[in-house]
Amino acid sequence: MFLRSHRAATRYAKAFFQMAQEANKLEKIYQDTQLILSVIHHSKVFASALNDPTIPSHKMQAILEEAFKSHVDHLTLKFLSALCQRKRINCLMSFCSLFQKLYFDFKKILHVKLTSFVHLSHFQLESLKEKLERHYKKIVEVTQETDHSLLGGFKVQIDDLIYDYSIKTQLNRFHETVLNA
């Protein structure tokens, strides 16, 4: 079921991305997807309603129109309506995330999550960004978090790939090597 939903969300995201490009509304539609994801993440009631098969399509359409009509582009509203009519509104969160991924790929933007024992200095952060930009040939946007359990060092997450340079991991590897020797 999940795979089928993901495929559907991918198809819809690609189609909507193309429509947004053709209508010259890519930036606005990207902002709309940010708003929709924010509402989904902050409202458990709204999120559960999206996955409730007992809510008829026409009622879900009315809910979405009421919630977003004065906040999103007309093209976005039409697309939400189409998702409702095709009974694919349960894919909305995946759809918005995939649309944003297409947007970032198109704009050559790479989102990186940096987790470190302490916040890196401006110089350290810029140095890391420059290296990543040279390597990936994209604009790098870094989100920085702290995690004191790392004991020192840092982790860099790019999509599903994690580069772990933390002292905690190095100590664990050393411990495994010593015990297994």
Protein backbone atom coordinates (compact mmCIF):
# COMPACT_ATOMS: atom_id res chain seq x y z
CA MET A 1 0.00 0.00 0.00
CA PHE A 2 2.79 2.44 0.94
CA LEU A 3 4.67 1.81 -2.30
CA ARG A 4 1.54 2.46 -4.36
CA SER A 5 0.86 5.68 -2.43
CA HIS A 6 4.46 6.81 -2.89
CA ARG A 7 4.30 6.16 -6.63
CA ALA A 8 1.08 8.13 -6.88
CA ALA A 9 2.54 11.02 -4.85
CA THR A 10 5.62 11.00 -7.11
CA ARG A 11 3.51 11.15 -10.27
CA TYR A 12 1.34 13.95 -8.89
CA ALA A 13 4.36 15.92 -7.64
CA LYS A 14 6.06 15.71 -11.05
CA ALA A 15 2.88 16.74 -12.87
CA PHE A 16 2.22 19.62 -10.49
CA PHE A 17 5.83 20.76 -10.69
CA GLN A 18 5.56 20.89 -14.47
CA MET A 19 2.27 22.81 -14.22
CA ALA A 20 3.85 25.30 -11.80
CA GLN A 21 6.78 25.83 -14.16
CA GLU A 22 4.52 26.34 -17.17
CA ALA A 23 2.38 28.82 -15.23
CA ASN A 24 5.55 30.61 -14.05
CA LYS A 25 4.45 30.11 -10.42
CA LEU A 26 7.18 27.82 -9.14
CA GLU A 27 8.20 30.06 -6.22
CA LYS A 28 4.61 30.63 -5.08
CA ILE A 29 3.69 26.96 -5.32
CA TYR A 30 6.83 26.04 -3.36
CA GLN A 31 5.70 28.46 -0.63
CA ASP A 32 2.24 26.86 -0.73
CA THR A 33 3.75 23.42 -0.13
CA GLN A 34 5.70 24.82 2.83
CA LEU A 35 2.47 26.18 4.31
CA ILE A 36 0.59 22.93 3.77
CA LEU A 37 3.36 20.87 5.37
CA SER A 38 3.45 23.27 8.30
CA VAL A 39 -0.28 22.85 8.85
CA ILE A 40 0.02 19.06 8.63
CA HIS A 41 2.89 19.01 11.14
CA HIS A 42 1.23 21.39 13.60
CA SER A 43 -2.32 20.03 13.50
CA LYS A 44 -2.81 16.40 14.41
CA VAL A 45 -6.54 16.77 13.71
CA PHE A 46 -5.87 17.99 10.16
CA ALA A 47 -3.25 15.28 9.56
CA SER A 48 -5.58 12.52 10.72
CA ALA A 49 -8.46 13.93 8.63
CA LEU A 50 -6.32 13.56 5.51
CA ASN A 51 -6.07 9.83 6.19
CA ASP A 52 -9.70 9.31 7.22
CA PRO A 53 -11.47 7.33 4.48
CA THR A 54 -14.87 8.04 6.03
CA ILE A 55 -14.72 11.72 5.07
CA PRO A 56 -16.34 12.06 1.63
CA SER A 57 -14.30 13.72 -1.12
CA HIS A 58 -16.63 16.70 -1.43
CA LYS A 59 -16.39 17.40 2.33
CA MET A 60 -12.60 17.11 2.26
CA GLN A 61 -12.54 19.53 -0.67
CA ALA A 62 -14.63 22.01 1.35
CA ILE A 63 -12.31 21.63 4.36
CA LEU A 64 -9.21 22.25 2.24
CA GLU A 65 -10.76 25.20 0.44
CA GLU A 66 -11.82 26.80 3.72
CA ALA A 67 -8.40 26.23 5.26
CA PHE A 68 -6.28 27.43 2.34
CA LYS A 69 -8.34 29.58 -0.06
CA SER A 70 -6.96 32.92 1.12
CA HIS A 71 -3.42 31.59 1.69
CA VAL A 72 -2.44 29.63 -1.42
CA ASP A 73 -2.45 30.16 -5.15
CA HIS A 74 -5.53 29.24 -7.20
CA LEU A 75 -3.47 26.57 -9.00
CA THR A 76 -2.68 24.91 -5.66
CA LEU A 77 -6.36 24.90 -4.69
CA LYS A 78 -7.26 23.29 -8.00
CA PHE A 79 -4.63 20.65 -7.46
CA LEU A 80 -5.84 19.92 -3.92
CA SER A 81 -9.34 19.55 -5.34
CA ALA A 82 -8.05 17.09 -7.96
CA LEU A 83 -6.33 15.05 -5.23
CA CYS A 84 -9.63 14.88 -3.35
CA GLN A 85 -11.62 13.87 -6.42
CA ARG A 86 -9.14 11.11 -7.22
CA LYS A 87 -9.13 9.97 -3.57
CA ARG A 88 -5.41 10.68 -3.24
CA ILE A 89 -5.54 13.32 -0.50
CA ASN A 90 -3.92 10.82 1.87
CA CYS A 91 -0.74 11.35 -0.22
CA LEU A 92 -0.71 15.11 0.46
CA MET A 93 2.24 15.11 2.87
CA SER A 94 4.35 12.89 0.58
CA PHE A 95 3.26 14.92 -2.42
CA CYS A 96 4.36 18.22 -0.84
CA SER A 97 7.69 16.75 0.29
CA LEU A 98 8.38 15.33 -3.16
CA PHE A 99 7.40 18.62 -4.81
CA GLN A 100 9.92 20.39 -2.57
CA LYS A 101 12.62 17.86 -3.48
CA LEU A 102 11.95 18.54 -7.17
CA TYR A 103 12.13 22.27 -6.45
CA PHE A 104 15.48 21.93 -4.63
CA ASP A 105 16.90 19.76 -7.41
CA PHE A 106 15.75 22.29 -10.02
CA LYS A 107 17.24 25.21 -8.07
CA LYS A 108 20.38 23.17 -7.29
CA ILE A 109 19.91 23.57 -3.54
CA LEU A 110 21.24 20.96 -1.15
CA HIS A 111 19.87 20.81 2.39
CA VAL A 112 22.36 19.59 4.94
CA LYS A 113 21.70 18.78 8.58
CA LEU A 114 24.75 19.34 10.78
CA THR A 115 24.68 17.90 14.28
CA SER A 116 27.60 18.75 16.55
CA PHE A 117 28.57 18.74 20.20
CA VAL A 118 28.61 22.56 20.15
CA HIS A 119 27.61 25.06 17.46
CA LEU A 120 30.33 25.51 14.87
CA SER A 121 31.81 28.97 14.49
CA HIS A 122 30.85 31.05 11.47
CA PHE A 123 34.26 30.35 9.92
CA GLN A 124 33.95 26.57 10.45
CA LEU A 125 30.42 26.53 9.06
CA GLU A 126 31.40 28.52 5.97
CA SER A 127 34.40 26.27 5.39
CA LEU A 128 32.19 23.18 5.52
CA LYS A 129 29.62 24.80 3.22
CA GLU A 130 32.30 25.71 0.66
CA LYS A 131 33.66 22.14 0.61
CA LEU A 132 30.18 20.68 0.18
CA GLU A 133 29.28 23.21 -2.54
CA ARG A 134 32.44 22.33 -4.47
CA HIS A 135 31.81 18.61 -4.12
CA TYR A 136 28.07 18.59 -4.93
CA LYS A 137 28.07 21.64 -7.24
CA LYS A 138 24.97 22.96 -5.50
CA ILE A 139 24.03 25.78 -3.15
CA VAL A 140 24.26 24.36 0.36
CA GLU A 141 21.84 25.36 3.10
CA VAL A 142 22.84 24.11 6.54
CA THR A 143 20.58 23.45 9.50
CA GLN A 144 22.67 23.22 12.64
CA GLU A 145 21.72 21.28 15.79
CA THR A 146 23.61 20.36 18.93
CA ASP A 147 23.78 16.95 20.56
CA HIS A 148 25.93 16.69 23.68
CA SER A 149 25.85 12.88 23.56
CA LEU A 150 28.30 13.05 20.61
CA LEU A 151 31.09 13.97 23.10
CA GLY A 152 32.72 16.05 20.37
CA GLY A 153 32.97 16.18 16.59
CA PHE A 154 29.95 16.29 14.27
CA LYS A 155 27.62 14.46 11.90
CA VAL A 156 26.57 15.68 8.47
CA GLN A 157 23.31 14.35 7.02
CA ILE A 158 22.53 14.78 3.33
CA ASP A 159 19.23 13.09 2.46
CA ASP A 160 19.69 9.51 3.69
CA LEU A 161 23.49 9.67 3.78
CA ILE A 162 25.20 10.39 7.12
CA TYR A 163 28.88 11.26 7.54
CA ASP A 164 29.68 10.60 11.18
CA TYR A 165 32.80 12.30 12.54
CA SER A 166 31.72 12.24 16.17
CA ILE A 167 34.02 11.21 18.99
CA LYS A 168 31.29 8.92 20.30
CA THR A 169 31.32 6.89 17.07
CA GLN A 170 35.12 6.84 16.95
CA LEU A 171 35.22 5.55 20.54
CA ASN A 172 32.61 2.89 19.73
CA ARG A 173 34.65 1.74 16.70
CA PHE A 174 37.80 1.64 18.80
CA HIS A 175 35.97 -0.33 21.50
CA GLU A 176 34.69 -2.85 18.91
CA THR A 177 38.16 -3.21 17.39
CA VAL A 178 39.81 -3.81 20.76
CA LEU A 179 37.16 -6.30 21.88
CA ASN A 180 37.17 -8.20 18.59
CA ALA A 181 40.99 -8.36 18.28
